[in-house]
């Protein structure tokens, strides 16, 4: 770890709001990917149990 000091963003500043929006978007995309994988896994399981 280096000795660099990182200043936190003010959450009410434009940069802080943009960062929060970017993080929210990334988390939403991860959640959608999880739901898709779960649905695909369930569909595959149903395919094997109905044949």
PDB file of N, CA and C in Angstrom:
ATOM      1  N   UNK A   1       0.856  -1.171   0.000  1.00  0.00           N
ATOM      2  CA  UNK A   1       0.000   0.000   0.000  1.00  0.00           C
ATOM      3  C   UNK A   1       0.894   1.222   0.000  1.00  0.00           C
ATOM      4  N   UNK A   2       0.591   2.144  -0.866  1.00  0.00           N
ATOM      5  CA  UNK A   2       1.368   3.383  -0.911  1.00  0.00           C
ATOM      6  C   UNK A   2       0.804   4.376   0.091  1.00  0.00           C
ATOM      7  N   UNK A   3       1.526   5.449   0.315  1.00  0.00           N
ATOM      8  CA  UNK A   3       1.102   6.458   1.266  1.00  0.00           C
ATOM      9  C   UNK A   3       0.218   7.523   0.658  1.00  0.00           C
ATOM     10  N   UNK A   4      -0.402   7.256  -0.486  1.00  0.00           N
ATOM     11  CA  UNK A   4      -1.251   8.256  -1.122  1.00  0.00           C
ATOM     12  C   UNK A   4      -2.521   8.491  -0.317  1.00  0.00           C
ATOM     13  N   UNK A   5      -2.890   9.751  -0.237  1.00  0.00           N
ATOM     14  CA  UNK A   5      -4.130  10.117   0.445  1.00  0.00           C
ATOM     15  C   UNK A   5      -5.200  10.376  -0.616  1.00  0.00           C
ATOM     16  N   UNK A   6      -6.328   9.764  -0.467  1.00  0.00           N
ATOM     17  CA  UNK A   6      -7.425   9.933  -1.417  1.00  0.00           C
ATOM     18  C   UNK A   6      -8.522  10.748  -0.748  1.00  0.00           C
ATOM     19  N   UNK A   7      -8.874  11.837  -1.375  1.00  0.00           N
ATOM     20  CA  UNK A   7      -9.952  12.677  -0.855  1.00  0.00           C
ATOM     21  C   UNK A   7     -11.302  12.086  -1.256  1.00  0.00           C
ATOM     22  N   UNK A   8     -12.193  11.908  -0.312  1.00  0.00           N
ATOM     23  CA  UNK A   8     -13.520  11.407  -0.671  1.00  0.00           C
ATOM     24  C   UNK A   8     -14.305  12.469  -1.448  1.00  0.00           C
ATOM     25  N   UNK A   9     -15.199  11.996  -2.295  1.00  0.00           N
ATOM     26  CA  UNK A   9     -16.066  12.916  -3.029  1.00  0.00           C
ATOM     27  C   UNK A   9     -17.199  13.391  -2.133  1.00  0.00           C
ATOM     28  N   UNK A  10     -17.558  14.629  -2.301  1.00  0.00           N
ATOM     29  CA  UNK A  10     -18.746  15.153  -1.623  1.00  0.00           C
ATOM     30  C   UNK A  10     -19.955  14.538  -2.335  1.00  0.00           C
ATOM     31  N   UNK A  11     -20.787  13.771  -1.639  1.00  0.00           N
ATOM     32  CA  UNK A  11     -21.902  13.105  -2.303  1.00  0.00           C
ATOM     33  C   UNK A  11     -22.918  14.061  -2.919  1.00  0.00           C
ATOM     34  N   UNK A  12     -22.921  15.298  -2.486  1.00  0.00           N
ATOM     35  CA  UNK A  12     -23.862  16.275  -3.031  1.00  0.00           C
ATOM     36  C   UNK A  12     -23.279  17.085  -4.185  1.00  0.00           C
ATOM     37  N   UNK A  13     -22.017  16.852  -4.505  1.00  0.00           N
ATOM     38  CA  UNK A  13     -21.394  17.573  -5.611  1.00  0.00           C
ATOM     39  C   UNK A  13     -21.751  16.879  -6.927  1.00  0.00           C
ATOM     40  N   UNK A  14     -21.607  17.552  -8.048  1.00  0.00           N
ATOM     41  CA  UNK A  14     -21.869  16.894  -9.340  1.00  0.00           C
ATOM     42  C   UNK A  14     -21.011  15.640  -9.537  1.00  0.00           C
ATOM     43  N   UNK A  15     -19.742  15.709  -9.153  1.00  0.00           N
ATOM     44  CA  UNK A  15     -18.870  14.536  -9.294  1.00  0.00           C
ATOM     45  C   UNK A  15     -19.330  13.406  -8.380  1.00  0.00           C
ATOM     46  N   UNK A  16     -19.755  13.747  -7.171  1.00  0.00           N
ATOM     47  CA  UNK A  16     -20.246  12.732  -6.235  1.00  0.00           C
ATOM     48  C   UNK A  16     -21.514  12.070  -6.734  1.00  0.00           C
ATOM     49  N   UNK A  17     -22.422  12.874  -7.276  1.00  0.00           N
ATOM     50  CA  UNK A  17     -23.665  12.307  -7.829  1.00  0.00           C
ATOM     51  C   UNK A  17     -23.368  11.454  -9.058  1.00  0.00           C
ATOM     52  N   UNK A  18     -22.433  11.888  -9.897  1.00  0.00           N
ATOM     53  CA  UNK A  18     -22.073  11.100 -11.084  1.00  0.00           C
ATOM     54  C   UNK A  18     -21.450   9.767 -10.675  1.00  0.00           C
ATOM     55  N   UNK A  19     -20.596   9.789  -9.656  1.00  0.00           N
ATOM     56  CA  UNK A  19     -19.982   8.551  -9.176  1.00  0.00           C
ATOM     57  C   UNK A  19     -21.035   7.606  -8.615  1.00  0.00           C
ATOM     58  N   UNK A  20     -21.969   8.149  -7.844  1.00  0.00           N
ATOM     59  CA  UNK A  20     -23.041   7.320  -7.279  1.00  0.00           C
ATOM     60  C   UNK A  20     -23.901   6.719  -8.380  1.00  0.00           C
ATOM     61  N   UNK A  21     -24.195   7.501  -9.404  1.00  0.00           N
ATOM     62  CA  UNK A  21     -24.987   6.995 -10.528  1.00  0.00           C
ATOM     63  C   UNK A  21     -24.244   5.886 -11.257  1.00  0.00           C
ATOM     64  N   UNK A  22     -22.943   6.071 -11.471  1.00  0.00           N
ATOM     65  CA  UNK A  22     -22.140   5.054 -12.159  1.00  0.00           C
ATOM     66  C   UNK A  22     -22.088   3.764 -11.342  1.00  0.00           C
ATOM     67  N   UNK A  23     -21.935   3.883 -10.035  1.00  0.00           N
ATOM     68  CA  UNK A  23     -21.914   2.696  -9.178  1.00  0.00           C
ATOM     69  C   UNK A  23     -23.275   2.004  -9.193  1.00  0.00           C
ATOM     70  N   UNK A  24     -24.350   2.781  -9.120  1.00  0.00           N
ATOM     71  CA  UNK A  24     -25.695   2.207  -9.150  1.00  0.00           C
ATOM     72  C   UNK A  24     -25.939   1.465 -10.462  1.00  0.00           C
ATOM     73  N   UNK A  25     -25.495   2.060 -11.566  1.00  0.00           N
ATOM     74  CA  UNK A  25     -25.668   1.413 -12.862  1.00  0.00           C
ATOM     75  C   UNK A  25     -24.895   0.101 -12.923  1.00  0.00           C
ATOM     76  N   UNK A  26     -23.672   0.128 -12.434  1.00  0.00           N
ATOM     77  CA  UNK A  26     -22.867  -1.096 -12.425  1.00  0.00           C
ATOM     78  C   UNK A  26     -23.495  -2.186 -11.576  1.00  0.00           C
ATOM     79  N   UNK A  27     -24.003  -1.827 -10.398  1.00  0.00           N
ATOM     80  CA  UNK A  27     -24.659  -2.811  -9.537  1.00  0.00           C
ATOM     81  C   UNK A  27     -25.931  -3.357 -10.173  1.00  0.00           C
ATOM     82  N   UNK A  28     -26.681  -2.498 -10.857  1.00  0.00           N
ATOM     83  CA  UNK A  28     -27.901  -2.949 -11.540  1.00  0.00           C
ATOM     84  C   UNK A  28     -27.552  -3.944 -12.647  1.00  0.00           C
ATOM     85  N   UNK A  29     -26.482  -3.674 -13.382  1.00  0.00           N
ATOM     86  CA  UNK A  29     -26.075  -4.592 -14.447  1.00  0.00           C
ATOM     87  C   UNK A  29     -25.631  -5.938 -13.886  1.00  0.00           C
ATOM     88  N   UNK A  30     -24.945  -5.913 -12.756  1.00  0.00           N
ATOM     89  CA  UNK A  30     -24.552  -7.160 -12.102  1.00  0.00           C
ATOM     90  C   UNK A  30     -25.784  -7.937 -11.661  1.00  0.00           C
ATOM     91  N   UNK A  31     -26.771  -7.256 -11.069  1.00  0.00           N
ATOM     92  CA  UNK A  31     -27.986  -7.929 -10.615  1.00  0.00           C
ATOM     93  C   UNK A  31     -28.731  -8.568 -11.778  1.00  0.00           C
ATOM     94  N   UNK A  32     -28.839  -7.853 -12.891  1.00  0.00           N
ATOM     95  CA  UNK A  32     -29.524  -8.402 -14.062  1.00  0.00           C
ATOM     96  C   UNK A  32     -28.775  -9.639 -14.570  1.00  0.00           C
ATOM     97  N   UNK A  33     -27.458  -9.596 -14.579  1.00  0.00           N
ATOM     98  CA  UNK A  33     -26.673 -10.754 -15.015  1.00  0.00           C
ATOM     99  C   UNK A  33     -26.922 -11.951 -14.097  1.00  0.00           C
ATOM    100  N   UNK A  34     -27.016 -11.698 -12.801  1.00  0.00           N
ATOM    101  CA  UNK A  34     -27.306 -12.784 -11.847  1.00  0.00           C
ATOM    102  C   UNK A  34     -28.676 -13.377 -12.124  1.00  0.00           C
ATOM    103  N   UNK A  35     -29.684 -12.507 -12.326  1.00  0.00           N
ATOM    104  CA  UNK A  35     -31.032 -13.018 -12.609  1.00  0.00           C
ATOM    105  C   UNK A  35     -31.045 -13.843 -13.892  1.00  0.00           C
ATOM    106  N   UNK A  36     -30.328 -13.400 -14.908  1.00  0.00           N
ATOM    107  CA  UNK A  36     -30.289 -14.142 -16.177  1.00  0.00           C
ATOM    108  C   UNK A  36     -29.626 -15.502 -15.994  1.00  0.00           C
ATOM    109  N   UNK A  37     -28.533 -15.543 -15.241  1.00  0.00           N
ATOM    110  CA  UNK A  37     -27.857 -16.824 -15.004  1.00  0.00           C
ATOM    111  C   UNK A  37     -28.760 -17.775 -14.230  1.00  0.00           C
ATOM    112  N   UNK A  38     -29.442 -17.251 -13.214  1.00  0.00           N
ATOM    113  CA  UNK A  38     -30.349 -18.089 -12.433  1.00  0.00           C
ATOM    114  C   UNK A  38     -31.472 -18.624 -13.311  1.00  0.00           C
ATOM    115  N   UNK A  39     -32.037 -17.770 -14.160  1.00  0.00           N
ATOM    116  CA  UNK A  39     -33.118 -18.205 -15.046  1.00  0.00           C
ATOM    117  C   UNK A  39     -32.624 -19.261 -16.022  1.00  0.00           C
ATOM    118  N   UNK A  40     -31.431 -19.072 -16.554  1.00  0.00           N
ATOM    119  CA  UNK A  40     -30.870 -20.057 -17.484  1.00  0.00           C
ATOM    120  C   UNK A  40     -30.612 -21.383 -16.773  1.00  0.00           C
ATOM    121  N   UNK A  41     -30.103 -21.308 -15.556  1.00  0.00           N
ATOM    122  CA  UNK A  41     -29.842 -22.536 -14.786  1.00  0.00           C
ATOM    123  C   UNK A  41     -31.150 -23.268 -14.497  1.00  0.00           C
ATOM    124  N   UNK A  42     -32.195 -22.518 -14.122  1.00  0.00           N
ATOM    125  CA  UNK A  42     -33.488 -23.136 -13.845  1.00  0.00           C
ATOM    126  C   UNK A  42     -34.103 -23.724 -15.110  1.00  0.00           C
ATOM    127  N   UNK A  43     -33.967 -23.025 -16.229  1.00  0.00           N
ATOM    128  CA  UNK A  43     -34.494 -23.540 -17.500  1.00  0.00           C
ATOM    129  C   UNK A  43     -33.767 -24.825 -17.892  1.00  0.00           C
ATOM    130  N   UNK A  44     -32.464 -24.858 -17.691  1.00  0.00           N
ATOM    131  CA  UNK A  44     -31.687 -26.054 -18.012  1.00  0.00           C
ATOM    132  C   UNK A  44     -32.097 -27.211 -17.102  1.00  0.00           C
ATOM    133  N   UNK A  45     -32.322 -26.921 -15.836  1.00  0.00           N
ATOM    134  CA  UNK A  45     -32.737 -27.975 -14.892  1.00  0.00           C
ATOM    135  C   UNK A  45     -34.111 -28.515 -15.291  1.00  0.00           C
ATOM    136  N   UNK A  46     -35.036 -27.616 -15.695  1.00  0.00           N
ATOM    137  CA  UNK A  46     -36.357 -28.076 -16.137  1.00  0.00           C
ATOM    138  C   UNK A  46     -36.250 -28.913 -17.405  1.00  0.00           C
ATOM    139  N   UNK A  47     -35.330 -28.534 -18.287  1.00  0.00           N
ATOM    140  CA  UNK A  47     -35.166 -29.281 -19.534  1.00  0.00           C
ATOM    141  C   UNK A  47     -34.746 -30.713 -19.240  1.00  0.00           C
ATOM    142  N   UNK A  48     -33.887 -30.895 -18.253  1.00  0.00           N
ATOM    143  CA  UNK A  48     -33.406 -32.233 -17.934  1.00  0.00           C
ATOM    144  C   UNK A  48     -34.420 -33.038 -17.127  1.00  0.00           C
ATOM    145  N   UNK A  49     -35.312 -32.384 -16.401  1.00  0.00           N
ATOM    146  CA  UNK A  49     -36.256 -33.130 -15.586  1.00  0.00           C
ATOM    147  C   UNK A  49     -37.523 -33.476 -16.366  1.00  0.00           C
ATOM    148  N   UNK A  50     -37.770 -32.828 -17.508  1.00  0.00           N
ATOM    149  CA  UNK A  50     -38.987 -33.100 -18.259  1.00  0.00           C
ATOM    150  C   UNK A  50     -38.756 -34.050 -19.424  1.00  0.00           C
ATOM    151  N   UNK A  51     -37.515 -34.449 -19.674  1.00  0.00           N
ATOM    152  CA  UNK A  51     -37.255 -35.372 -20.790  1.00  0.00           C
ATOM    153  C   UNK A  51     -36.968 -36.748 -20.309  1.00  0.00           C
TER     154      UNK A  51
END
